Amino acid sequence: MMKTIIAAILVLLSFNVAAAPAGGSRVHDRYDSNEKRGVVLVEDAIEADSLRISLGRDLRGFVEGKVCDDCETIKVVITPKTKAYENNVEVPLKRAAGRVGQSATVYYYIDSKEVSRISW
């Protein structure tokens, strides 16, 4: 009886280990811990010390950056709907292009990778 219980526990433990990705998950911890609580993140942010942004005359472009130090660089899309804020006051989006190489926070929708706002 005891051998059967131990065998069952070992089988269950092997399922748990097999389900874990090798080397750990590359999704940063905020996603994992929030999913366990039933919270769905809609937006995330890139906190750039040196903003890498490209913005055309048509107010379309992109920002490249990282969500966390260990995360891969991602590219998010700027559209004419994207808002820009300087000291919490809305300013023309074209001003964001002047922030190249300076600090800014870029908020984007996780599913579409579309930038909702840029603030500095």
C-alpha atoms as a PDB file:
ATOM      1  CA  MET A   1       0.000   0.000   0.000  1.00  0.00           C
ATOM      2  CA  MET A   2       2.782   2.452   0.943  1.00  0.00           C
ATOM      3  CA  LYS A   3       4.683   1.626  -2.264  1.00  0.00           C
ATOM      4  CA  THR A   4       1.578   2.432  -4.294  1.00  0.00           C
ATOM      5  CA  ILE A   5       1.165   5.816  -2.610  1.00  0.00           C
ATOM      6  CA  ILE A   6       4.843   6.689  -3.122  1.00  0.00           C
ATOM      7  CA  ALA A   7       4.644   5.606  -6.775  1.00  0.00           C
ATOM      8  CA  ALA A   8       1.550   7.777  -7.295  1.00  0.00           C
ATOM      9  CA  ILE A   9       3.273  10.799  -5.725  1.00  0.00           C
ATOM     10  CA  LEU A  10       6.332  10.321  -7.916  1.00  0.00           C
ATOM     11  CA  VAL A  11       4.157  10.105 -11.033  1.00  0.00           C
ATOM     12  CA  LEU A  12       2.356  13.329 -10.082  1.00  0.00           C
ATOM     13  CA  LEU A  13       5.661  15.079  -9.410  1.00  0.00           C
ATOM     14  CA  SER A  14       7.014  13.986 -12.794  1.00  0.00           C
ATOM     15  CA  PHE A  15       3.989  15.581 -14.527  1.00  0.00           C
ATOM     16  CA  ASN A  16       4.671  18.859 -12.754  1.00  0.00           C
ATOM     17  CA  VAL A  17       8.350  18.847 -13.734  1.00  0.00           C
ATOM     18  CA  ALA A  18       7.582  17.866 -17.335  1.00  0.00           C
ATOM     19  CA  ALA A  19       5.107  20.743 -17.675  1.00  0.00           C
ATOM     20  CA  ALA A  20       7.710  23.348 -16.662  1.00  0.00           C
ATOM     21  CA  PRO A  21       9.654  24.875 -19.573  1.00  0.00           C
ATOM     22  CA  ALA A  22      13.350  24.028 -19.719  1.00  0.00           C
ATOM     23  CA  GLY A  23      15.419  26.836 -18.244  1.00  0.00           C
ATOM     24  CA  GLY A  24      12.348  28.582 -16.860  1.00  0.00           C
ATOM     25  CA  SER A  25       9.831  30.834 -18.527  1.00  0.00           C
ATOM     26  CA  ARG A  26      10.998  33.830 -20.595  1.00  0.00           C
ATOM     27  CA  VAL A  27       7.800  35.691 -19.713  1.00  0.00           C
ATOM     28  CA  HIS A  28       8.615  37.967 -16.850  1.00  0.00           C
ATOM     29  CA  ASP A  29       7.199  37.375 -13.388  1.00  0.00           C
ATOM     30  CA  ARG A  30       4.406  39.972 -13.535  1.00  0.00           C
ATOM     31  CA  TYR A  31       2.470  37.844 -16.049  1.00  0.00           C
ATOM     32  CA  ASP A  32       2.885  34.618 -14.103  1.00  0.00           C
ATOM     33  CA  SER A  33       1.868  35.993 -10.704  1.00  0.00           C
ATOM     34  CA  ASN A  34      -1.109  37.942 -12.074  1.00  0.00           C
ATOM     35  CA  GLU A  35      -2.474  34.960 -13.995  1.00  0.00           C
ATOM     36  CA  LYS A  36      -2.537  32.959 -10.762  1.00  0.00           C
ATOM     37  CA  ARG A  37      -4.749  35.665  -9.232  1.00  0.00           C
ATOM     38  CA  GLY A  38      -7.074  35.831 -12.234  1.00  0.00           C
ATOM     39  CA  VAL A  39      -5.815  39.271 -13.315  1.00  0.00           C
ATOM     40  CA  VAL A  40      -5.438  39.870 -17.043  1.00  0.00           C
ATOM     41  CA  LEU A  41      -2.884  42.489 -18.028  1.00  0.00           C
ATOM     42  CA  VAL A  42      -3.989  44.612 -20.972  1.00  0.00           C
ATOM     43  CA  GLU A  43      -1.051  47.028 -21.048  1.00  0.00           C
ATOM     44  CA  ASP A  44       2.642  46.840 -20.249  1.00  0.00           C
ATOM     45  CA  ALA A  45       5.372  49.455 -20.334  1.00  0.00           C
ATOM     46  CA  ILE A  46       8.888  49.993 -21.564  1.00  0.00           C
ATOM     47  CA  GLU A  47      10.836  52.241 -19.203  1.00  0.00           C
ATOM     48  CA  ALA A  48      13.586  53.525 -21.455  1.00  0.00           C
ATOM     49  CA  ASP A  49      16.679  55.292 -20.172  1.00  0.00           C
ATOM     50  CA  SER A  50      17.606  56.017 -23.787  1.00  0.00           C
ATOM     51  CA  LEU A  51      14.499  56.071 -25.990  1.00  0.00           C
ATOM     52  CA  ARG A  52      14.780  54.433 -29.415  1.00  0.00           C
ATOM     53  CA  ILE A  53      11.940  55.867 -31.452  1.00  0.00           C
ATOM     54  CA  SER A  54      11.142  56.341 -35.116  1.00  0.00           C
ATOM     55  CA  LEU A  55       8.199  58.601 -36.007  1.00  0.00           C
ATOM     56  CA  GLY A  56       7.142  59.671 -39.494  1.00  0.00           C
ATOM     57  CA  ARG A  57       5.274  62.777 -40.621  1.00  0.00           C
ATOM     58  CA  ASP A  58       2.102  60.705 -40.725  1.00  0.00           C
ATOM     59  CA  LEU A  59       2.510  60.043 -36.969  1.00  0.00           C
ATOM     60  CA  ARG A  60       3.213  56.362 -37.561  1.00  0.00           C
ATOM     61  CA  GLY A  61       6.350  54.677 -36.324  1.00  0.00           C
ATOM     62  CA  PHE A  62       7.775  52.407 -33.671  1.00  0.00           C
ATOM     63  CA  VAL A  63       9.676  52.215 -30.402  1.00  0.00           C
ATOM     64  CA  GLU A  64      12.173  49.509 -29.513  1.00  0.00           C
ATOM     65  CA  GLY A  65      12.944  48.592 -25.927  1.00  0.00           C
ATOM     66  CA  LYS A  66      12.773  46.073 -23.099  1.00  0.00           C
ATOM     67  CA  VAL A  67      10.080  45.531 -20.491  1.00  0.00           C
ATOM     68  CA  CYS A  68      12.648  44.133 -18.040  1.00  0.00           C
ATOM     69  CA  ASP A  69      16.435  43.822 -17.929  1.00  0.00           C
ATOM     70  CA  ASP A  70      16.349  40.090 -18.730  1.00  0.00           C
ATOM     71  CA  CYS A  71      13.623  40.376 -21.391  1.00  0.00           C
ATOM     72  CA  GLU A  72      14.205  40.422 -25.124  1.00  0.00           C
ATOM     73  CA  THR A  73      14.006  43.703 -27.042  1.00  0.00           C
ATOM     74  CA  ILE A  74      10.571  44.240 -28.540  1.00  0.00           C
ATOM     75  CA  LYS A  75       9.226  46.638 -31.152  1.00  0.00           C
ATOM     76  CA  VAL A  76       5.905  48.379 -30.483  1.00  0.00           C
ATOM     77  CA  VAL A  77       3.917  50.406 -33.014  1.00  0.00           C
ATOM     78  CA  ILE A  78       3.068  54.107 -32.805  1.00  0.00           C
ATOM     79  CA  THR A  79      -0.157  55.218 -34.534  1.00  0.00           C
ATOM     80  CA  PRO A  80      -1.882  58.603 -34.846  1.00  0.00           C
ATOM     81  CA  LYS A  81      -4.030  57.506 -31.840  1.00  0.00           C
ATOM     82  CA  THR A  82      -0.933  57.371 -29.594  1.00  0.00           C
ATOM     83  CA  LYS A  83      -0.867  60.126 -26.950  1.00  0.00           C
ATOM     84  CA  ALA A  84       2.205  61.939 -25.620  1.00  0.00           C
ATOM     85  CA  TYR A  85       2.548  63.469 -22.144  1.00  0.00           C
ATOM     86  CA  GLU A  86       5.202  65.767 -20.716  1.00  0.00           C
ATOM     87  CA  ASN A  87       4.940  66.106 -16.921  1.00  0.00           C
ATOM     88  CA  ASN A  88       1.413  64.598 -17.101  1.00  0.00           C
ATOM     89  CA  VAL A  89       0.231  67.240 -19.607  1.00  0.00           C
ATOM     90  CA  GLU A  90      -0.774  66.080 -23.093  1.00  0.00           C
ATOM     91  CA  VAL A  91       1.504  67.451 -25.825  1.00  0.00           C
ATOM     92  CA  PRO A  92       1.643  66.901 -29.604  1.00  0.00           C
ATOM     93  CA  LEU A  93       2.861  63.405 -30.478  1.00  0.00           C
ATOM     94  CA  LYS A  94       5.624  64.853 -32.698  1.00  0.00           C
ATOM     95  CA  ARG A  95       7.369  66.016 -29.519  1.00  0.00           C
ATOM     96  CA  ALA A  96       8.025  62.387 -28.602  1.00  0.00           C
ATOM     97  CA  ALA A  97      10.394  62.102 -31.575  1.00  0.00           C
ATOM     98  CA  GLY A  98      12.568  64.718 -29.867  1.00  0.00           C
ATOM     99  CA  ARG A  99      13.079  62.319 -26.963  1.00  0.00           C
ATOM    100  CA  VAL A 100      15.482  60.069 -28.897  1.00  0.00           C
ATOM    101  CA  GLY A 101      18.274  59.052 -26.524  1.00  0.00           C
ATOM    102  CA  GLN A 102      16.449  60.463 -23.479  1.00  0.00           C
ATOM    103  CA  SER A 103      14.310  58.795 -20.832  1.00  0.00           C
ATOM    104  CA  ALA A 104      10.614  58.045 -21.374  1.00  0.00           C
ATOM    105  CA  THR A 105       7.989  55.467 -20.502  1.00  0.00           C
ATOM    106  CA  VAL A 106       6.146  53.796 -23.377  1.00  0.00           C
ATOM    107  CA  TYR A 107       2.818  52.136 -22.534  1.00  0.00           C
ATOM    108  CA  TYR A 108       1.499  49.620 -25.052  1.00  0.00           C
ATOM    109  CA  TYR A 109      -1.289  47.088 -25.488  1.00  0.00           C
ATOM    110  CA  ILE A 110       0.132  43.594 -24.987  1.00  0.00           C
ATOM    111  CA  ASP A 111      -2.000  41.850 -27.638  1.00  0.00           C
ATOM    112  CA  SER A 112      -1.538  44.317 -30.508  1.00  0.00           C
ATOM    113  CA  LYS A 113       1.847  45.832 -29.513  1.00  0.00           C
ATOM    114  CA  GLU A 114       0.250  49.237 -30.243  1.00  0.00           C
ATOM    115  CA  VAL A 115       1.513  52.189 -28.171  1.00  0.00           C
ATOM    116  CA  SER A 116      -1.244  53.893 -26.176  1.00  0.00           C
ATOM    117  CA  ARG A 117       0.923  56.683 -24.704  1.00  0.00           C
ATOM    118  CA  ILE A 118       4.448  57.924 -24.218  1.00  0.00           C
ATOM    119  CA  SER A 119       5.299  59.959 -21.146  1.00  0.00           C
ATOM    120  CA  TRP A 120       8.342  61.781 -19.824  1.00  0.00           C
END
